[in-house]
N, C-alpha and C. Protein backbone atom coordinates (compact mmCIF):
# COMPACT_ATOMS: atom_id res chain seq x y z
N MET A 1 0.83 -1.18 0.00
CA MET A 1 0.00 0.00 0.00
C MET A 1 0.88 1.25 0.00
N THR A 2 0.52 2.21 -0.82
CA THR A 2 1.28 3.43 -0.97
C THR A 2 1.00 4.38 0.19
N ARG A 3 2.06 4.95 0.72
CA ARG A 3 1.94 5.93 1.81
C ARG A 3 1.71 7.31 1.19
N MET A 4 0.66 7.99 1.63
CA MET A 4 0.33 9.31 1.10
C MET A 4 0.67 10.37 2.14
N VAL A 5 1.11 11.55 1.65
CA VAL A 5 1.39 12.69 2.52
C VAL A 5 0.76 13.94 1.92
N ASN A 6 0.49 14.91 2.76
CA ASN A 6 0.12 16.23 2.28
C ASN A 6 1.43 16.97 2.04
N CYS A 7 1.85 17.03 0.80
CA CYS A 7 3.17 17.56 0.44
C CYS A 7 3.22 19.08 0.64
N VAL A 8 4.20 19.53 1.42
CA VAL A 8 4.35 20.96 1.69
C VAL A 8 4.81 21.72 0.45
N LEU A 9 5.49 21.07 -0.45
CA LEU A 9 5.98 21.76 -1.64
C LEU A 9 4.93 21.80 -2.74
N LEU A 10 4.27 20.67 -2.99
CA LEU A 10 3.28 20.60 -4.07
C LEU A 10 1.91 21.11 -3.64
N LYS A 11 1.72 21.26 -2.32
CA LYS A 11 0.44 21.74 -1.77
C LYS A 11 -0.73 20.84 -2.15
N LYS A 12 -0.46 19.52 -2.13
CA LYS A 12 -1.52 18.55 -2.42
C LYS A 12 -1.12 17.20 -1.83
N GLU A 13 -2.09 16.30 -1.76
CA GLU A 13 -1.79 14.95 -1.30
C GLU A 13 -1.08 14.20 -2.43
N ALA A 14 0.01 13.54 -2.09
CA ALA A 14 0.80 12.83 -3.09
C ALA A 14 1.50 11.65 -2.43
N GLU A 15 2.06 10.78 -3.25
CA GLU A 15 2.76 9.59 -2.76
C GLU A 15 3.97 10.00 -1.95
N GLY A 16 4.06 9.46 -0.72
CA GLY A 16 5.16 9.77 0.18
C GLY A 16 6.41 8.96 -0.12
N LEU A 17 7.47 9.35 0.51
CA LEU A 17 8.75 8.65 0.37
C LEU A 17 8.65 7.25 0.98
N ASP A 18 9.41 6.32 0.45
CA ASP A 18 9.39 4.94 0.96
C ASP A 18 10.13 4.81 2.28
N ARG A 19 11.13 5.66 2.47
CA ARG A 19 11.95 5.61 3.68
C ARG A 19 12.53 7.00 3.91
N PRO A 20 12.97 7.28 5.14
CA PRO A 20 13.61 8.59 5.38
C PRO A 20 14.84 8.74 4.48
N THR A 21 15.00 9.93 3.94
CA THR A 21 16.10 10.18 3.01
C THR A 21 17.19 11.05 3.60
N TYR A 22 16.96 11.54 4.81
CA TYR A 22 17.92 12.42 5.47
C TYR A 22 17.85 12.16 6.96
N PRO A 23 18.97 12.24 7.67
CA PRO A 23 18.96 11.93 9.11
C PRO A 23 18.41 13.07 9.96
N GLY A 24 18.12 12.77 11.18
CA GLY A 24 17.78 13.78 12.18
C GLY A 24 16.36 14.30 12.08
N GLU A 25 16.14 15.41 12.79
CA GLU A 25 14.82 16.02 12.86
C GLU A 25 14.38 16.53 11.49
N LEU A 26 15.29 17.13 10.73
CA LEU A 26 14.93 17.59 9.38
C LEU A 26 14.50 16.41 8.52
N GLY A 27 15.20 15.30 8.63
CA GLY A 27 14.84 14.10 7.88
C GLY A 27 13.46 13.59 8.24
N LYS A 28 13.11 13.66 9.52
CA LYS A 28 11.77 13.23 9.95
C LYS A 28 10.70 14.15 9.37
N ARG A 29 10.96 15.46 9.41
CA ARG A 29 10.00 16.42 8.83
C ARG A 29 9.82 16.18 7.34
N ILE A 30 10.91 15.91 6.65
CA ILE A 30 10.84 15.64 5.21
C ILE A 30 10.05 14.36 4.97
N PHE A 31 10.35 13.30 5.70
CA PHE A 31 9.65 12.03 5.52
C PHE A 31 8.15 12.19 5.75
N ASP A 32 7.77 12.99 6.75
CA ASP A 32 6.36 13.17 7.09
C ASP A 32 5.61 14.13 6.17
N ASN A 33 6.33 15.03 5.48
CA ASN A 33 5.66 16.13 4.77
C ASN A 33 6.05 16.33 3.31
N VAL A 34 6.92 15.48 2.77
CA VAL A 34 7.41 15.69 1.40
C VAL A 34 7.11 14.45 0.56
N SER A 35 6.62 14.68 -0.64
CA SER A 35 6.29 13.58 -1.55
C SER A 35 7.52 13.15 -2.35
N LYS A 36 7.39 11.99 -2.99
CA LYS A 36 8.46 11.51 -3.86
C LYS A 36 8.76 12.51 -4.97
N GLU A 37 7.70 13.06 -5.56
CA GLU A 37 7.88 14.03 -6.66
C GLU A 37 8.64 15.27 -6.18
N ALA A 38 8.28 15.78 -5.01
CA ALA A 38 8.96 16.96 -4.46
C ALA A 38 10.41 16.63 -4.11
N TRP A 39 10.66 15.43 -3.61
CA TRP A 39 12.03 15.03 -3.29
C TRP A 39 12.88 15.01 -4.56
N GLN A 40 12.33 14.53 -5.66
CA GLN A 40 13.07 14.52 -6.92
C GLN A 40 13.36 15.94 -7.39
N GLN A 41 12.44 16.87 -7.16
CA GLN A 41 12.70 18.27 -7.49
C GLN A 41 13.87 18.79 -6.67
N TRP A 42 13.90 18.41 -5.38
CA TRP A 42 15.02 18.82 -4.52
C TRP A 42 16.33 18.23 -5.03
N VAL A 43 16.35 16.97 -5.39
CA VAL A 43 17.59 16.33 -5.87
C VAL A 43 18.14 17.10 -7.07
N ARG A 44 17.28 17.48 -8.01
CA ARG A 44 17.73 18.27 -9.17
C ARG A 44 18.26 19.64 -8.72
N HIS A 45 17.56 20.26 -7.79
CA HIS A 45 17.99 21.58 -7.30
C HIS A 45 19.31 21.46 -6.55
N GLN A 46 19.44 20.43 -5.73
CA GLN A 46 20.68 20.22 -4.98
C GLN A 46 21.86 20.03 -5.93
N THR A 47 21.65 19.29 -7.00
CA THR A 47 22.70 19.08 -7.99
C THR A 47 23.13 20.41 -8.60
N MET A 48 22.14 21.26 -8.89
CA MET A 48 22.44 22.58 -9.43
C MET A 48 23.25 23.40 -8.42
N LEU A 49 22.85 23.37 -7.14
CA LEU A 49 23.59 24.10 -6.12
C LEU A 49 25.04 23.61 -6.03
N LEU A 50 25.21 22.29 -6.01
CA LEU A 50 26.56 21.73 -5.92
C LEU A 50 27.41 22.17 -7.11
N ASN A 51 26.83 22.17 -8.29
CA ASN A 51 27.57 22.54 -9.49
C ASN A 51 27.83 24.05 -9.57
N GLU A 52 26.81 24.85 -9.35
CA GLU A 52 26.96 26.31 -9.47
C GLU A 52 27.92 26.89 -8.45
N TYR A 53 27.87 26.38 -7.22
CA TYR A 53 28.74 26.89 -6.17
C TYR A 53 30.02 26.06 -6.02
N ARG A 54 30.17 25.05 -6.87
CA ARG A 54 31.37 24.19 -6.87
C ARG A 54 31.64 23.63 -5.47
N LEU A 55 30.60 23.03 -4.90
CA LEU A 55 30.68 22.48 -3.56
C LEU A 55 31.09 21.02 -3.59
N SER A 56 31.76 20.61 -2.54
CA SER A 56 32.11 19.21 -2.36
C SER A 56 31.24 18.63 -1.25
N PRO A 57 30.51 17.55 -1.54
CA PRO A 57 29.63 16.98 -0.51
C PRO A 57 30.37 16.46 0.73
N ILE A 58 31.67 16.30 0.64
CA ILE A 58 32.41 15.82 1.83
C ILE A 58 32.88 16.97 2.72
N ASP A 59 32.77 18.21 2.24
CA ASP A 59 33.15 19.38 3.02
C ASP A 59 32.04 19.70 4.03
N PRO A 60 32.36 19.75 5.33
CA PRO A 60 31.32 20.03 6.34
C PRO A 60 30.60 21.36 6.12
N LYS A 61 31.31 22.39 5.66
CA LYS A 61 30.67 23.69 5.39
C LYS A 61 29.66 23.56 4.24
N ALA A 62 30.02 22.81 3.22
CA ALA A 62 29.12 22.59 2.08
C ALA A 62 27.90 21.80 2.53
N ARG A 63 28.09 20.78 3.36
CA ARG A 63 26.95 20.00 3.85
C ARG A 63 26.00 20.87 4.68
N LYS A 64 26.56 21.74 5.50
CA LYS A 64 25.72 22.64 6.30
C LYS A 64 24.94 23.57 5.37
N PHE A 65 25.60 24.12 4.35
CA PHE A 65 24.94 24.99 3.39
C PHE A 65 23.79 24.25 2.68
N ILE A 66 24.06 23.03 2.24
CA ILE A 66 23.03 22.24 1.55
C ILE A 66 21.86 21.96 2.48
N GLU A 67 22.14 21.64 3.73
CA GLU A 67 21.06 21.39 4.69
C GLU A 67 20.21 22.64 4.90
N GLU A 68 20.85 23.81 5.00
CA GLU A 68 20.11 25.06 5.15
C GLU A 68 19.24 25.33 3.92
N GLU A 69 19.79 25.07 2.74
CA GLU A 69 19.03 25.27 1.51
C GLU A 69 17.87 24.28 1.41
N MET A 70 18.08 23.05 1.88
CA MET A 70 17.02 22.05 1.89
C MET A 70 15.87 22.51 2.79
N GLU A 71 16.21 23.04 3.95
CA GLU A 71 15.19 23.57 4.88
C GLU A 71 14.40 24.69 4.19
N LYS A 72 15.10 25.61 3.52
CA LYS A 72 14.43 26.71 2.81
C LYS A 72 13.57 26.18 1.66
N PHE A 73 14.09 25.21 0.92
CA PHE A 73 13.40 24.67 -0.25
C PHE A 73 12.05 24.09 0.14
N PHE A 74 12.02 23.30 1.21
CA PHE A 74 10.79 22.63 1.60
C PHE A 74 9.93 23.44 2.56
N PHE A 75 10.54 24.12 3.52
CA PHE A 75 9.77 24.71 4.62
C PHE A 75 9.91 26.22 4.75
N GLY A 76 10.66 26.85 3.85
CA GLY A 76 10.87 28.30 3.93
C GLY A 76 10.41 28.99 2.66
N ASP A 77 11.14 30.02 2.30
CA ASP A 77 10.80 30.85 1.13
C ASP A 77 11.33 30.28 -0.17
N GLY A 78 11.98 29.14 -0.12
CA GLY A 78 12.56 28.55 -1.33
C GLY A 78 14.05 28.79 -1.39
N SER A 79 14.73 27.94 -2.09
CA SER A 79 16.17 28.02 -2.24
C SER A 79 16.48 28.57 -3.63
N LYS A 80 17.39 29.53 -3.70
CA LYS A 80 17.71 30.14 -4.98
C LYS A 80 19.21 30.12 -5.22
N VAL A 81 19.58 30.10 -6.47
CA VAL A 81 20.99 30.23 -6.85
C VAL A 81 21.17 31.66 -7.32
N ASP A 82 22.13 32.38 -6.75
CA ASP A 82 22.39 33.77 -7.13
C ASP A 82 22.70 33.87 -8.62
N ASN A 83 22.14 34.88 -9.25
CA ASN A 83 22.41 35.20 -10.66
C ASN A 83 22.06 34.07 -11.63
N TRP A 84 21.09 33.26 -11.29
CA TRP A 84 20.68 32.18 -12.18
C TRP A 84 19.19 32.28 -12.41
N THR A 85 18.78 32.17 -13.65
CA THR A 85 17.36 32.12 -13.98
C THR A 85 17.13 30.91 -14.86
N PRO A 86 16.04 30.18 -14.62
CA PRO A 86 15.79 29.00 -15.44
C PRO A 86 15.52 29.38 -16.88
N PRO A 87 15.87 28.50 -17.82
CA PRO A 87 15.60 28.80 -19.23
C PRO A 87 14.11 28.92 -19.48
N ALA A 88 13.77 29.76 -20.44
CA ALA A 88 12.35 30.01 -20.75
C ALA A 88 11.72 28.83 -21.46
């Protein structure tokens, strides 16, 4: 049976994640409130952040930055890349 959540990003009921994708309290909030579709949107956005800012996922400062952006992406005003606009 599929687990459904009221997705905070999509603003609708959608299929939930199969398992927690991030540790800690933020991971629990994501598991409880983010759909699979929204998580995939985050993965694409995270990849863009890593590439645009030339971050290394093993750098603790980069991981903290990504976690802060993840919080903004799902539960805040959204995560943005400076001086970047999506193609029309």
